[in-house]
Amino acid sequence: MQLHHHMDFHLVLFDYLIWIKLDDLHRVRKFKKDFSFGVATSAYQVEGAWDKDGKGESIWDRYHHTHSEMIKDGRNGDEACDSYHKYKRDVEMLRELGVHHYKFSISWPRVLPNGLANEINEAGLEYYDNLINELLKYNIQPMVSMYNLDLPQNLQELGGWTNPLVSQWFEDYAEVLFEKFSDRVKLWITMNNPTTVCFETYLGILAPGINSTGIGDYLCVKNVLVAHAKAYRLYESTYKKRYKGKNKIGLYVNPIWSKYGDFPLSVRNTIAKKSKEQGYAKSRLPSFTADEIKLIKATNKKYPAPSLEDDISMERREMRERSGSSLSERYGLYEVDFGSEEKTRKARLSALVYKRIIQKKIIEKDWEPKYWTISISNRTKSDKDEL
């Protein structure tokens, strides 16, 4: 079955969830005084400039260029919102909203065109340097995701996330970012949504479009965890004391939190049994070495911890075919006119409502603006100095 994607590029509300009980519908819901509000984007969906200034090819570039039938109207991320050239307007929008932080991802192939640290693209680093400085100029804290699905195509041709060497490649990439930006970036996320990185990627839903369920996805899970652990260890040992930042993974899984530092025993037994029934000499689920277990467990630092079964559910997880919520419909706080040369941005009603929530720190059930206009918020540094 073909999946037809409708490509959209957007600023989206940052990943905070507000749970409301039915009996609370008529109660004023307040945020704590020090609550931090933000928005988030991903590089491929907003930056554009897919081959400008030395950027290398990503798996999404290759996938959409060779499988245009997968996208409604054939649209892709070649130009996107053109945030690569219009980052100042993007920061202006953040100022209009009055947010405290901005979560964005860095494009691995924009910084390291072939994926390896032997070739660094200074123009790519300069773009992120300028963006970070523009954010800090207006007291907006940058929160950086080091990886959000746009693996360098060169590394994919070497096996991508199924190649155990990818953890070293990622650590080298992380070192480039830490060395360049740690003096100003205090909040780091190694992997944005690792479940998607491994399970939807190797189901064939996302780039690079490879269907390797039950093997490729399991290899990916192990290598993503080891890559995260190496980057985490690097930051903790070399940069944390100097810059006092924080580094975490976008999903907490059993190997990090369990007593034994491995996949749950029930998962290991189930997959080993099924693998034997399918004629495999050993389990399709890769095992961790003692050193890898020690490395991964060392990343356990005071965060809540759902289990691997909760987050991934391994063999019991049912993947549903979907067109991808980030591609199938337009959503977000600002609408982009992709037909205009300037890629004009216009605030939606949701932007005005969110601005009101940030200002008042309450949710007003029936509030709507009298006029659909938005201007820069007067937010001083004292409003929110730290996250």
Protein backbone atom coordinates (compact mmCIF):
# COMPACT_ATOMS: atom_id res chain seq x y z
CA MET A 1 0.00 0.00 0.00
CA GLN A 2 1.33 3.41 -0.89
CA LEU A 3 1.42 6.13 1.71
CA HIS A 4 0.77 9.62 0.42
CA HIS A 5 2.31 12.33 2.55
CA HIS A 6 1.32 15.97 2.58
CA MET A 7 4.44 17.87 3.48
CA ASP A 8 4.05 20.78 5.89
CA PHE A 9 6.60 22.81 7.77
CA HIS A 10 5.77 24.50 10.98
CA LEU A 11 6.56 25.82 14.41
CA VAL A 12 4.85 23.48 16.81
CA LEU A 13 3.93 23.81 20.44
CA PHE A 14 6.73 22.38 22.56
CA ASP A 15 6.22 18.96 24.03
CA TYR A 16 4.30 19.78 27.18
CA LEU A 17 1.08 17.88 27.83
CA ILE A 18 -1.64 19.36 29.99
CA TRP A 19 -3.89 16.66 31.42
CA ILE A 20 -7.37 17.85 32.34
CA LYS A 21 -9.85 15.79 34.34
CA LEU A 22 -13.51 16.04 33.43
CA ASP A 23 -14.37 17.51 36.80
CA ASP A 24 -11.75 20.23 36.28
CA LEU A 25 -13.33 21.72 33.15
CA HIS A 26 -14.87 24.63 35.05
CA ARG A 27 -11.86 25.26 37.27
CA VAL A 28 -9.22 27.82 36.37
CA ARG A 29 -6.08 25.90 35.57
CA LYS A 30 -2.89 27.69 36.51
CA PHE A 31 0.76 27.17 35.71
CA LYS A 32 3.43 27.58 38.34
CA LYS A 33 5.18 30.92 38.35
CA ASP A 34 8.45 29.40 37.14
CA PHE A 35 6.88 27.22 34.41
CA SER A 36 8.88 27.41 31.20
CA PHE A 37 7.05 27.76 27.89
CA GLY A 38 8.58 27.02 24.52
CA VAL A 39 8.11 25.86 20.95
CA ALA A 40 9.91 23.29 18.84
CA THR A 41 10.91 22.53 15.25
CA SER A 42 12.97 19.94 13.41
CA ALA A 43 15.72 20.78 10.93
CA TYR A 44 14.39 19.00 7.85
CA GLN A 45 10.92 20.47 8.23
CA VAL A 46 11.97 24.12 8.50
CA GLU A 47 15.50 24.82 7.31
CA GLY A 48 15.36 24.20 3.57
CA ALA A 49 18.65 24.99 1.75
CA TRP A 50 19.08 21.23 1.38
CA ASP A 51 22.27 21.47 -0.69
CA LYS A 52 23.49 25.00 0.09
CA ASP A 53 26.82 26.08 1.57
CA GLY A 54 28.36 22.63 1.78
CA LYS A 55 25.50 20.72 3.40
CA GLY A 56 25.61 16.98 2.73
CA GLU A 57 22.73 14.78 1.65
CA SER A 58 20.47 13.34 4.35
CA ILE A 59 18.36 10.20 4.20
CA TRP A 60 15.26 12.38 3.85
CA ASP A 61 16.79 14.26 0.92
CA ARG A 62 17.51 10.98 -0.87
CA TYR A 63 14.19 9.39 0.05
CA HIS A 64 12.02 12.26 -1.14
CA HIS A 65 14.06 12.83 -4.29
CA THR A 66 13.78 9.19 -5.31
CA HIS A 67 10.24 8.54 -4.02
CA SER A 68 8.30 11.68 -4.82
CA GLU A 69 5.17 9.54 -5.15
CA MET A 70 5.21 9.22 -1.36
CA ILE A 71 4.34 12.89 -0.94
CA LYS A 72 1.09 14.52 -1.88
CA ASP A 73 1.74 17.05 -4.67
CA GLY A 74 5.39 15.97 -4.72
CA ARG A 75 6.42 18.58 -2.16
CA ASN A 76 9.52 17.99 -0.07
CA GLY A 77 11.92 19.74 2.28
CA ASP A 78 14.27 21.25 -0.30
CA GLU A 79 13.07 24.76 0.56
CA ALA A 80 10.70 24.15 3.48
CA CYS A 81 10.22 27.36 5.51
CA ASP A 82 13.68 28.53 4.42
CA SER A 83 14.64 29.05 8.05
CA TYR A 84 18.26 28.70 6.98
CA HIS A 85 17.96 32.20 5.53
CA LYS A 86 15.08 33.52 7.64
CA TYR A 87 16.09 32.55 11.16
CA LYS A 88 15.81 36.15 12.35
CA ARG A 89 12.13 36.20 11.41
CA ASP A 90 11.70 32.89 13.26
CA VAL A 91 13.23 34.40 16.39
CA GLU A 92 10.96 37.42 15.95
CA MET A 93 7.99 35.04 16.05
CA LEU A 94 9.30 33.54 19.28
CA ARG A 95 9.44 37.06 20.69
CA GLU A 96 5.86 37.64 19.56
CA LEU A 97 4.78 34.57 21.50
CA GLY A 98 6.89 35.45 24.53
CA VAL A 99 8.36 31.95 24.94
CA HIS A 100 11.24 31.16 27.26
CA HIS A 101 13.02 28.56 25.19
CA TYR A 102 13.24 27.16 21.67
CA LYS A 103 13.86 23.48 20.97
CA PHE A 104 15.39 22.94 17.54
CA SER A 105 17.34 20.13 15.98
CA ILE A 106 20.71 20.36 14.28
CA SER A 107 21.08 18.72 10.89
CA TRP A 108 23.94 16.22 11.16
CA PRO A 109 24.81 16.45 7.41
CA ARG A 110 24.77 20.26 7.52
CA VAL A 111 27.56 20.14 10.08
CA LEU A 112 29.35 17.00 8.88
CA PRO A 113 28.52 16.58 5.16
CA ASN A 114 29.69 12.95 4.94
CA GLY A 115 28.64 12.15 8.50
CA LEU A 116 32.21 11.79 9.75
CA ALA A 117 34.14 14.32 11.79
CA ASN A 118 37.07 14.47 9.38
CA GLU A 119 35.14 17.01 7.29
CA ILE A 120 33.47 19.87 9.18
CA ASN A 121 31.27 22.34 7.33
CA GLU A 122 32.05 25.72 8.87
CA ALA A 123 29.13 27.37 7.05
CA GLY A 124 26.75 24.94 8.74
CA LEU A 125 28.21 25.68 12.16
CA GLU A 126 27.94 29.40 11.43
CA TYR A 127 24.21 29.08 10.73
CA TYR A 128 23.55 27.48 14.11
CA ASP A 129 25.97 29.89 15.76
CA ASN A 130 23.97 32.82 14.42
CA LEU A 131 20.67 31.26 15.44
CA ILE A 132 21.85 30.59 19.00
CA ASN A 133 23.23 34.10 19.36
CA GLU A 134 19.99 35.61 18.04
CA LEU A 135 17.99 33.60 20.58
CA LEU A 136 20.19 34.61 23.50
CA LYS A 137 20.10 38.24 22.38
CA TYR A 138 16.41 38.20 23.28
CA ASN A 139 16.68 35.99 26.36
CA ILE A 140 15.33 32.85 24.69
CA GLN A 141 17.15 29.74 25.83
CA PRO A 142 18.22 27.30 23.08
CA MET A 143 17.44 23.63 23.61
CA VAL A 144 19.26 21.49 21.06
CA SER A 145 18.28 18.08 19.74
CA MET A 146 21.37 16.57 18.19
CA TYR A 147 19.44 14.07 16.08
CA ASN A 148 15.95 14.19 14.63
CA LEU A 149 15.75 11.54 11.90
CA ASP A 150 18.03 13.18 9.29
CA LEU A 151 20.98 10.79 9.19
CA PRO A 152 23.69 11.62 6.64
CA GLN A 153 23.07 9.51 3.54
CA ASN A 154 26.74 8.50 3.47
CA LEU A 155 26.34 6.80 6.86
CA GLN A 156 23.13 5.10 5.77
CA GLU A 157 25.08 3.50 2.94
CA LEU A 158 27.39 2.06 5.58
CA GLY A 159 24.44 0.51 7.42
CA GLY A 160 23.09 3.51 9.31
CA TRP A 161 21.75 2.77 12.77
CA THR A 162 22.25 -0.98 12.31
CA ASN A 163 26.03 -0.59 12.10
CA PRO A 164 27.61 -0.73 15.60
CA LEU A 165 30.17 1.85 14.49
CA VAL A 166 27.38 4.44 14.36
CA SER A 167 27.73 5.01 18.10
CA GLN A 168 31.31 6.22 17.57
CA TRP A 169 30.28 8.34 14.59
CA PHE A 170 27.58 9.93 16.74
CA GLU A 171 29.98 10.58 19.61
CA ASP A 172 32.36 12.32 17.21
CA TYR A 173 29.48 14.43 15.88
CA ALA A 174 28.39 15.27 19.42
CA GLU A 175 31.91 16.41 20.27
CA VAL A 176 31.87 18.87 17.38
CA LEU A 177 28.60 20.33 18.69
CA PHE A 178 29.66 20.41 22.33
CA GLU A 179 32.96 22.05 21.48
CA LYS A 180 31.29 24.75 19.40
CA PHE A 181 28.10 25.51 21.32
CA SER A 182 28.37 24.34 24.96
CA ASP A 183 29.40 27.79 26.14
CA ARG A 184 25.88 28.98 25.24
CA VAL A 185 23.67 25.88 24.97
CA LYS A 186 22.85 24.44 28.39
CA LEU A 187 20.12 22.00 27.40
CA TRP A 188 20.93 19.08 25.10
CA ILE A 189 18.86 16.14 23.85
CA THR A 190 20.84 13.42 22.11
CA MET A 191 18.02 11.65 20.26
CA ASN A 192 14.58 13.03 19.57
CA ASN A 193 12.07 10.18 19.95
CA PRO A 194 14.28 7.09 19.60
CA THR A 195 11.21 4.88 19.17
CA THR A 196 10.49 6.58 15.87
CA VAL A 197 14.18 6.46 14.89
CA CYS A 198 14.21 2.69 15.15
CA PHE A 199 10.75 1.22 14.83
CA GLU A 200 9.08 3.42 12.24
CA THR A 201 12.28 3.78 10.25
CA TYR A 202 12.83 0.04 10.00
CA LEU A 203 9.17 -0.64 9.34
CA GLY A 204 9.66 1.22 6.08
CA ILE A 205 7.33 4.09 7.02
CA LEU A 206 10.03 6.76 7.23
CA ALA A 207 13.30 7.45 5.41
CA PRO A 208 15.28 5.55 4.26
CA GLY A 209 12.27 3.32 3.61
CA ILE A 210 13.85 0.04 4.68
CA ASN A 211 11.60 -2.72 6.01
CA SER A 212 13.66 -4.75 8.47
CA THR A 213 11.30 -5.38 11.35
CA GLY A 214 12.48 -7.78 13.99
CA ILE A 215 16.14 -7.36 13.05
CA GLY A 216 17.06 -3.86 11.89
CA ASP A 217 14.87 -2.18 14.49
CA TYR A 218 16.42 -4.22 17.34
CA LEU A 219 19.96 -3.49 16.18
CA CYS A 220 18.98 0.17 15.95
CA VAL A 221 17.64 0.23 19.53
CA LYS A 222 20.90 -1.10 20.90
CA ASN A 223 23.08 1.23 18.84
CA VAL A 224 20.95 4.29 19.64
CA LEU A 225 21.28 3.58 23.36
CA VAL A 226 25.04 3.10 23.12
CA ALA A 227 25.36 6.26 21.00
CA HIS A 228 23.37 8.22 23.56
CA ALA A 229 25.47 6.83 26.39
CA LYS A 230 28.74 7.76 24.67
CA ALA A 231 27.59 11.30 23.97
CA TYR A 232 26.28 11.61 27.52
CA ARG A 233 29.55 10.37 29.00
CA LEU A 234 31.49 12.79 26.80
CA TYR A 235 29.45 15.76 28.02
CA GLU A 236 29.58 14.71 31.67
CA SER A 237 33.34 14.14 31.64
CA THR A 238 34.48 17.08 29.52
CA TYR A 239 31.86 19.84 29.38
CA LYS A 240 29.41 19.66 32.28
CA LYS A 241 31.69 20.99 35.00
CA ARG A 242 32.80 23.88 32.79
CA TYR A 243 29.40 24.84 31.36
CA LYS A 244 26.92 23.32 33.83
CA GLY A 245 24.44 22.11 31.21
CA LYS A 246 22.13 19.11 31.01
CA ASN A 247 22.10 16.22 28.57
CA LYS A 248 19.38 13.58 28.18
CA ILE A 249 17.75 11.25 25.70
CA GLY A 250 14.28 11.94 24.33
CA LEU A 251 12.92 8.65 25.65
CA TYR A 252 13.79 6.70 28.80
CA VAL A 253 14.00 2.97 28.32
CA ASN A 254 14.62 -0.10 30.41
CA PRO A 255 18.36 -0.59 29.73
CA ILE A 256 19.04 2.83 31.27
CA TRP A 257 16.83 2.35 34.32
CA SER A 258 16.67 -1.32 35.18
CA LYS A 259 18.75 -2.92 37.89
CA TYR A 260 20.52 -5.11 35.34
CA GLY A 261 21.00 -2.54 32.58
CA ASP A 262 19.51 -4.73 29.87
CA PHE A 263 16.27 -5.34 28.01
CA PRO A 264 13.52 -6.77 30.24
CA LEU A 265 13.87 -10.51 30.81
CA SER A 266 10.36 -11.13 29.47
CA VAL A 267 11.23 -9.35 26.24
CA ARG A 268 14.52 -11.23 25.86
CA ASN A 269 12.84 -14.58 26.47
CA THR A 270 9.95 -13.87 24.09
CA ILE A 271 12.20 -12.78 21.23
CA ALA A 272 14.65 -15.64 21.83
CA LYS A 273 11.79 -18.14 21.70
CA LYS A 274 10.32 -16.66 18.52
CA SER A 275 13.75 -16.45 16.90
CA LYS A 276 14.34 -20.15 17.54
CA GLU A 277 10.92 -21.02 16.11
CA GLN A 278 11.81 -19.01 12.99
CA GLY A 279 15.01 -20.95 12.47
CA TYR A 280 17.54 -18.42 13.74
CA ALA A 281 20.61 -19.78 15.51
CA LYS A 282 20.35 -17.10 18.17
CA SER A 283 18.00 -14.35 19.26
CA ARG A 284 17.32 -11.49 16.87
CA LEU A 285 17.54 -9.14 19.85
CA PRO A 286 21.20 -8.13 20.24
CA SER A 287 22.82 -8.39 23.64
CA PHE A 288 24.83 -5.75 25.46
CA THR A 289 28.41 -6.32 26.55
CA ALA A 290 29.33 -5.75 30.18
CA ASP A 291 31.06 -2.50 29.23
CA GLU A 292 28.03 -1.31 27.27
CA ILE A 293 25.72 -2.03 30.21
CA LYS A 294 27.96 -0.04 32.52
CA LEU A 295 28.11 2.83 30.05
CA ILE A 296 24.34 2.96 29.52
CA LYS A 297 23.44 2.69 33.21
CA ALA A 298 25.73 5.63 33.95
CA THR A 299 23.29 7.89 32.07
CA ASN A 300 20.60 7.33 34.72
CA LYS A 301 20.30 10.76 36.31
CA LYS A 302 17.15 11.69 38.24
CA TYR A 303 14.50 11.39 35.55
CA PRO A 304 11.23 9.42 35.59
CA ALA A 305 11.64 6.01 34.04
CA PRO A 306 9.04 4.05 32.11
CA SER A 307 10.19 0.59 31.06
CA LEU A 308 11.22 -0.60 27.65
CA GLU A 309 8.01 -2.62 27.53
CA ASP A 310 6.00 0.55 28.18
CA ASP A 311 7.83 2.61 25.59
CA ILE A 312 8.43 0.08 22.85
CA SER A 313 6.62 -3.14 23.83
CA MET A 314 8.96 -4.94 21.46
CA GLU A 315 7.21 -7.99 19.91
CA ARG A 316 3.78 -6.96 21.20
CA ARG A 317 3.92 -3.49 19.69
CA GLU A 318 1.48 -3.06 16.83
CA MET A 319 2.69 -0.56 14.26
CA ARG A 320 -0.14 1.08 12.41
CA GLU A 321 0.21 2.30 8.86
CA ARG A 322 -0.03 6.05 8.78
CA SER A 323 0.87 8.91 6.56
CA GLY A 324 2.76 10.63 9.39
CA SER A 325 1.08 13.35 11.45
CA SER A 326 3.98 15.71 10.79
CA LEU A 327 3.41 15.42 7.04
CA SER A 328 -0.24 14.63 6.47
CA GLU A 329 -1.79 17.86 7.67
CA ARG A 330 -0.87 21.43 8.46
CA TYR A 331 -0.58 22.29 12.09
CA GLY A 332 1.38 24.60 14.34
CA LEU A 333 1.25 28.15 15.57
CA TYR A 334 2.18 29.97 12.38
CA GLU A 335 1.12 29.35 8.81
CA VAL A 336 3.75 29.64 6.09
CA ASP A 337 2.90 30.82 2.58
CA PHE A 338 5.05 28.37 0.63
CA GLY A 339 4.03 29.99 -2.64
CA SER A 340 5.69 33.28 -1.74
CA GLU A 341 9.37 33.94 -2.30
CA GLU A 342 9.68 35.28 1.25
CA LYS A 343 7.89 32.26 2.77
CA THR A 344 5.70 34.72 4.68
CA ARG A 345 4.73 33.63 8.20
CA LYS A 346 1.32 34.49 9.69
CA ALA A 347 0.14 33.87 13.23
CA ARG A 348 -2.79 31.50 13.61
CA LEU A 349 -5.44 31.66 16.30
CA SER A 350 -3.47 29.05 18.24
CA ALA A 351 -0.50 31.43 18.39
CA LEU A 352 -2.64 34.15 19.95
CA VAL A 353 -4.15 31.72 22.45
CA TYR A 354 -0.71 30.39 23.38
CA LYS A 355 0.63 33.92 23.79
CA ARG A 356 -2.24 34.62 26.19
CA ILE A 357 -1.51 31.47 28.19
CA ILE A 358 2.15 32.44 28.51
CA GLN A 359 1.27 35.96 29.63
CA LYS A 360 -1.42 34.97 32.15
CA LYS A 361 -0.10 31.53 33.13
CA ILE A 362 -3.66 30.25 33.14
CA ILE A 363 -5.89 28.40 30.67
CA GLU A 364 -9.11 30.24 29.91
CA LYS A 365 -11.54 27.79 28.35
CA ASP A 366 -13.49 30.18 26.11
CA TRP A 367 -11.00 32.98 25.52
CA GLU A 368 -10.56 34.28 21.99
CA PRO A 369 -8.73 37.42 20.83
CA LYS A 370 -10.73 40.43 19.71
CA TYR A 371 -8.26 41.09 16.89
CA TRP A 372 -6.07 38.59 15.04
CA THR A 373 -2.90 40.64 15.33
CA ILE A 374 0.26 39.80 17.20
CA SER A 375 3.19 41.93 18.34
CA ILE A 376 6.41 41.37 20.23
CA SER A 377 5.89 40.63 23.91
CA ASN A 378 7.56 42.80 26.51
CA ARG A 379 9.40 40.13 28.43
CA THR A 380 12.39 41.11 30.51
CA LYS A 381 15.19 38.86 31.62
CA SER A 382 13.76 38.72 35.14
CA ASP A 383 10.60 37.05 33.82
CA LYS A 384 12.44 33.77 33.36
CA ASP A 385 16.17 33.69 33.91
CA GLU A 386 16.72 29.96 34.12
CA LEU A 387 14.97 26.79 33.07
